[in-house]
Amino acid sequence: MTPKENGHELHGVLWSLRTTEKTATGETLFMLAYGSEAVLPVEVAFHTHRLITFQEELNNVALQEALDLLPSIRGDALFREELYKLCITCLNKRAVRL
């Protein structure tokens, strides 16, 4: 595998990690960082409905609203993560007692 191919593969792996919803938070890392869902490369390649109906002005308004809600989204994700950790801890303690 050439370095160029290897870099392309790494880029794809990193993209998939950033755009996959995490069990603990219920959000993607992309959403928590940027306040919106990512457009996947496959959507660009196949010109999905999402891209065909894209309107820049409406998108800018929606993006601003999403950015305004980002602290709330992050707070909810933090709460879900803490709840998830608590559940995992309880399950582990129960398994140790058995």
N, C-alpha and C. Protein backbone atom coordinates (compact mmCIF):
# COMPACT_ATOMS: atom_id res chain seq x y z
N MET A 1 0.85 -1.18 0.00
CA MET A 1 0.00 0.00 0.00
C MET A 1 0.90 1.24 0.00
N THR A 2 0.62 2.16 -0.88
CA THR A 2 1.42 3.37 -0.97
C THR A 2 1.03 4.33 0.15
N PRO A 3 1.90 5.27 0.50
CA PRO A 3 1.55 6.25 1.55
C PRO A 3 0.28 7.02 1.21
N LYS A 4 0.08 7.32 -0.08
CA LYS A 4 -1.11 8.07 -0.47
C LYS A 4 -2.37 7.24 -0.18
N GLU A 5 -2.35 5.96 -0.56
CA GLU A 5 -3.50 5.09 -0.29
C GLU A 5 -3.71 4.93 1.20
N ASN A 6 -2.62 4.78 1.95
CA ASN A 6 -2.71 4.61 3.39
C ASN A 6 -3.32 5.86 4.03
N GLY A 7 -2.92 7.04 3.59
CA GLY A 7 -3.48 8.29 4.11
C GLY A 7 -4.95 8.42 3.81
N HIS A 8 -5.35 7.97 2.61
CA HIS A 8 -6.76 8.02 2.22
C HIS A 8 -7.58 7.10 3.12
N GLU A 9 -7.03 5.92 3.41
CA GLU A 9 -7.72 4.97 4.27
C GLU A 9 -7.85 5.53 5.69
N LEU A 10 -6.78 6.13 6.19
CA LEU A 10 -6.81 6.73 7.52
C LEU A 10 -7.86 7.84 7.58
N HIS A 11 -7.93 8.66 6.54
CA HIS A 11 -8.92 9.74 6.49
C HIS A 11 -10.34 9.16 6.59
N GLY A 12 -10.58 8.08 5.86
CA GLY A 12 -11.90 7.44 5.90
C GLY A 12 -12.23 6.88 7.28
N VAL A 13 -11.25 6.29 7.92
CA VAL A 13 -11.46 5.73 9.26
C VAL A 13 -11.75 6.85 10.25
N LEU A 14 -10.97 7.91 10.20
CA LEU A 14 -11.19 9.05 11.11
C LEU A 14 -12.56 9.68 10.87
N TRP A 15 -12.94 9.82 9.60
CA TRP A 15 -14.25 10.39 9.27
C TRP A 15 -15.36 9.53 9.86
N SER A 16 -15.23 8.22 9.73
CA SER A 16 -16.28 7.33 10.26
C SER A 16 -16.35 7.43 11.78
N LEU A 17 -15.22 7.57 12.45
CA LEU A 17 -15.24 7.72 13.91
C LEU A 17 -15.91 9.02 14.32
N ARG A 18 -15.68 10.08 13.57
CA ARG A 18 -16.25 11.39 13.92
C ARG A 18 -17.74 11.49 13.60
N THR A 19 -18.23 10.65 12.70
CA THR A 19 -19.63 10.76 12.27
C THR A 19 -20.50 9.60 12.74
N THR A 20 -19.98 8.76 13.63
CA THR A 20 -20.74 7.66 14.20
C THR A 20 -21.25 8.06 15.57
N GLU A 21 -22.56 7.86 15.78
CA GLU A 21 -23.15 8.21 17.06
C GLU A 21 -22.56 7.34 18.16
N LYS A 22 -22.14 7.95 19.24
CA LYS A 22 -21.54 7.23 20.36
C LYS A 22 -22.63 6.78 21.33
N THR A 23 -22.49 5.56 21.82
CA THR A 23 -23.46 5.00 22.75
C THR A 23 -23.58 5.85 24.01
N ALA A 24 -22.47 6.27 24.55
CA ALA A 24 -22.47 6.99 25.83
C ALA A 24 -23.15 8.35 25.73
N THR A 25 -22.96 9.07 24.64
CA THR A 25 -23.48 10.44 24.54
C THR A 25 -24.74 10.54 23.69
N GLY A 26 -24.94 9.60 22.78
CA GLY A 26 -26.08 9.67 21.86
C GLY A 26 -25.86 10.68 20.75
N GLU A 27 -24.65 11.19 20.61
CA GLU A 27 -24.32 12.19 19.58
C GLU A 27 -23.05 11.78 18.84
N THR A 28 -22.85 12.40 17.69
CA THR A 28 -21.59 12.20 16.96
C THR A 28 -20.58 13.22 17.46
N LEU A 29 -19.30 12.89 17.32
CA LEU A 29 -18.27 13.85 17.70
C LEU A 29 -18.36 15.10 16.83
N PHE A 30 -18.74 14.94 15.57
CA PHE A 30 -18.89 16.07 14.66
C PHE A 30 -19.97 17.03 15.18
N MET A 31 -21.09 16.47 15.63
CA MET A 31 -22.18 17.29 16.17
C MET A 31 -21.73 18.05 17.40
N LEU A 32 -21.02 17.38 18.29
CA LEU A 32 -20.57 18.04 19.52
C LEU A 32 -19.55 19.13 19.24
N ALA A 33 -18.79 18.98 18.17
CA ALA A 33 -17.77 19.99 17.85
C ALA A 33 -18.34 21.15 17.03
N TYR A 34 -19.18 20.84 16.05
CA TYR A 34 -19.61 21.86 15.09
C TYR A 34 -21.09 22.23 15.15
N GLY A 35 -21.89 21.48 15.91
CA GLY A 35 -23.30 21.81 16.05
C GLY A 35 -24.17 21.43 14.89
N SER A 36 -23.68 20.57 14.01
CA SER A 36 -24.50 20.10 12.88
C SER A 36 -24.03 18.71 12.48
N GLU A 37 -24.86 18.06 11.71
CA GLU A 37 -24.49 16.74 11.20
C GLU A 37 -23.63 16.91 9.97
N ALA A 38 -22.69 16.01 9.80
CA ALA A 38 -21.78 16.06 8.66
C ALA A 38 -22.46 15.55 7.40
N VAL A 39 -22.04 16.08 6.27
CA VAL A 39 -22.45 15.53 4.99
C VAL A 39 -21.44 14.44 4.66
N LEU A 40 -21.93 13.23 4.52
CA LEU A 40 -21.05 12.10 4.28
C LEU A 40 -20.56 12.09 2.84
N PRO A 41 -19.35 11.57 2.60
CA PRO A 41 -18.82 11.52 1.23
C PRO A 41 -19.74 10.79 0.26
N VAL A 42 -20.42 9.75 0.72
CA VAL A 42 -21.33 9.02 -0.16
C VAL A 42 -22.50 9.90 -0.60
N GLU A 43 -22.93 10.82 0.26
CA GLU A 43 -24.01 11.74 -0.10
C GLU A 43 -23.57 12.68 -1.22
N VAL A 44 -22.32 13.08 -1.19
CA VAL A 44 -21.78 13.96 -2.23
C VAL A 44 -21.63 13.19 -3.53
N ALA A 45 -21.14 11.97 -3.43
CA ALA A 45 -20.90 11.16 -4.63
C ALA A 45 -22.18 10.82 -5.37
N PHE A 46 -23.27 10.56 -4.63
CA PHE A 46 -24.50 10.13 -5.26
C PHE A 46 -25.57 11.21 -5.33
N HIS A 47 -25.23 12.45 -5.00
CA HIS A 47 -26.16 13.58 -5.07
C HIS A 47 -27.51 13.23 -4.43
N THR A 48 -27.49 13.03 -3.14
CA THR A 48 -28.69 12.64 -2.42
C THR A 48 -29.69 13.80 -2.36
N HIS A 49 -30.88 13.48 -1.92
CA HIS A 49 -31.95 14.47 -1.80
C HIS A 49 -31.49 15.64 -0.92
N ARG A 50 -30.75 15.33 0.12
CA ARG A 50 -30.25 16.36 1.03
C ARG A 50 -29.41 17.40 0.30
N LEU A 51 -28.59 16.98 -0.65
CA LEU A 51 -27.76 17.92 -1.39
C LEU A 51 -28.51 18.59 -2.53
N ILE A 52 -29.40 17.86 -3.16
CA ILE A 52 -30.17 18.42 -4.28
C ILE A 52 -31.07 19.55 -3.82
N THR A 53 -31.66 19.42 -2.62
CA THR A 53 -32.59 20.44 -2.11
C THR A 53 -31.90 21.50 -1.25
N PHE A 54 -30.59 21.49 -1.21
CA PHE A 54 -29.82 22.44 -0.40
C PHE A 54 -30.08 23.87 -0.83
N GLN A 55 -30.38 24.73 0.15
CA GLN A 55 -30.54 26.17 -0.09
C GLN A 55 -29.66 26.89 0.92
N GLU A 56 -28.71 27.64 0.43
CA GLU A 56 -27.69 28.23 1.30
C GLU A 56 -28.28 29.13 2.37
N GLU A 57 -29.24 29.98 2.03
CA GLU A 57 -29.80 30.91 3.01
C GLU A 57 -30.51 30.16 4.13
N LEU A 58 -31.32 29.17 3.76
CA LEU A 58 -32.02 28.37 4.78
C LEU A 58 -31.01 27.60 5.63
N ASN A 59 -29.97 27.11 4.98
CA ASN A 59 -28.94 26.38 5.71
C ASN A 59 -28.24 27.28 6.72
N ASN A 60 -27.94 28.51 6.33
CA ASN A 60 -27.27 29.44 7.24
C ASN A 60 -28.13 29.75 8.46
N VAL A 61 -29.43 29.91 8.25
CA VAL A 61 -30.36 30.16 9.37
C VAL A 61 -30.41 28.94 10.28
N ALA A 62 -30.55 27.76 9.69
CA ALA A 62 -30.60 26.53 10.48
C ALA A 62 -29.29 26.30 11.23
N LEU A 63 -28.17 26.62 10.60
CA LEU A 63 -26.88 26.45 11.25
C LEU A 63 -26.75 27.39 12.44
N GLN A 64 -27.20 28.62 12.30
CA GLN A 64 -27.15 29.58 13.42
C GLN A 64 -28.01 29.09 14.58
N GLU A 65 -29.21 28.57 14.27
CA GLU A 65 -30.08 28.03 15.32
C GLU A 65 -29.41 26.85 16.01
N ALA A 66 -28.77 25.98 15.22
CA ALA A 66 -28.08 24.82 15.79
C ALA A 66 -26.93 25.25 16.68
N LEU A 67 -26.21 26.27 16.26
CA LEU A 67 -25.09 26.76 17.08
C LEU A 67 -25.59 27.37 18.39
N ASP A 68 -26.76 28.00 18.34
CA ASP A 68 -27.35 28.54 19.56
C ASP A 68 -27.73 27.42 20.53
N LEU A 69 -28.12 26.27 19.99
CA LEU A 69 -28.53 25.14 20.81
C LEU A 69 -27.36 24.25 21.24
N LEU A 70 -26.18 24.50 20.70
CA LEU A 70 -25.03 23.63 20.94
C LEU A 70 -24.70 23.45 22.43
N PRO A 71 -24.70 24.50 23.25
CA PRO A 71 -24.43 24.27 24.68
C PRO A 71 -25.43 23.30 25.33
N SER A 72 -26.69 23.40 24.92
CA SER A 72 -27.70 22.48 25.44
C SER A 72 -27.46 21.06 24.96
N ILE A 73 -27.10 20.91 23.70
CA ILE A 73 -26.80 19.58 23.14
C ILE A 73 -25.61 18.97 23.86
N ARG A 74 -24.58 19.77 24.09
CA ARG A 74 -23.39 19.27 24.80
C ARG A 74 -23.73 18.91 26.24
N GLY A 75 -24.56 19.71 26.89
CA GLY A 75 -24.97 19.41 28.26
C GLY A 75 -25.76 18.12 28.34
N ASP A 76 -26.69 17.93 27.41
CA ASP A 76 -27.46 16.69 27.36
C ASP A 76 -26.55 15.49 27.12
N ALA A 77 -25.57 15.65 26.22
CA ALA A 77 -24.64 14.57 25.93
C ALA A 77 -23.81 14.23 27.16
N LEU A 78 -23.39 15.25 27.90
CA LEU A 78 -22.62 15.02 29.12
C LEU A 78 -23.46 14.28 30.15
N PHE A 79 -24.72 14.67 30.28
CA PHE A 79 -25.63 13.99 31.21
C PHE A 79 -25.79 12.53 30.82
N ARG A 80 -26.03 12.26 29.52
CA ARG A 80 -26.20 10.88 29.05
C ARG A 80 -24.92 10.07 29.27
N GLU A 81 -23.77 10.70 29.08
CA GLU A 81 -22.50 10.01 29.29
C GLU A 81 -22.32 9.62 30.76
N GLU A 82 -22.64 10.53 31.67
CA GLU A 82 -22.53 10.23 33.09
C GLU A 82 -23.51 9.13 33.50
N LEU A 83 -24.72 9.18 32.97
CA LEU A 83 -25.70 8.13 33.24
C LEU A 83 -25.22 6.78 32.71
N TYR A 84 -24.64 6.79 31.52
CA TYR A 84 -24.09 5.58 30.91
C TYR A 84 -22.98 5.00 31.80
N LYS A 85 -22.08 5.85 32.27
CA LYS A 85 -20.99 5.40 33.15
C LYS A 85 -21.54 4.80 34.44
N LEU A 86 -22.58 5.41 34.99
CA LEU A 86 -23.19 4.91 36.21
C LEU A 86 -23.80 3.53 35.97
N CYS A 87 -24.48 3.36 34.85
CA CYS A 87 -25.07 2.06 34.50
C CYS A 87 -24.00 0.99 34.33
N ILE A 88 -22.92 1.33 33.66
CA ILE A 88 -21.81 0.39 33.46
C ILE A 88 -21.19 0.01 34.81
N THR A 89 -21.02 0.98 35.69
CA THR A 89 -20.47 0.72 37.02
C THR A 89 -21.37 -0.23 37.79
N CYS A 90 -22.67 0.01 37.75
CA CYS A 90 -23.62 -0.86 38.45
C CYS A 90 -23.58 -2.29 37.89
N LEU A 91 -23.52 -2.40 36.58
CA LEU A 91 -23.44 -3.73 35.96
C LEU A 91 -22.17 -4.45 36.35
N ASN A 92 -21.06 -3.73 36.38
CA ASN A 92 -19.79 -4.35 36.79
C ASN A 92 -19.81 -4.78 38.24
N LYS A 93 -20.38 -3.97 39.13
CA LYS A 93 -20.46 -4.34 40.55
C LYS A 93 -21.35 -5.57 40.72
N ARG A 94 -22.44 -5.63 39.98
CA ARG A 94 -23.33 -6.78 40.06
C ARG A 94 -22.63 -8.03 39.57
N ALA A 95 -21.85 -7.92 38.52
CA ALA A 95 -21.14 -9.07 37.97
C ALA A 95 -20.06 -9.56 38.94
N VAL A 96 -19.42 -8.65 39.66
CA VAL A 96 -18.38 -9.03 40.61
C VAL A 96 -19.00 -9.76 41.80
N ARG A 97 -20.17 -9.36 42.25
CA ARG A 97 -20.84 -10.00 43.39
C ARG A 97 -21.29 -11.42 43.05
N LEU A 98 -21.61 -11.69 41.80
CA LEU A 98 -22.10 -13.01 41.42
C LEU A 98 -20.96 -13.95 41.45
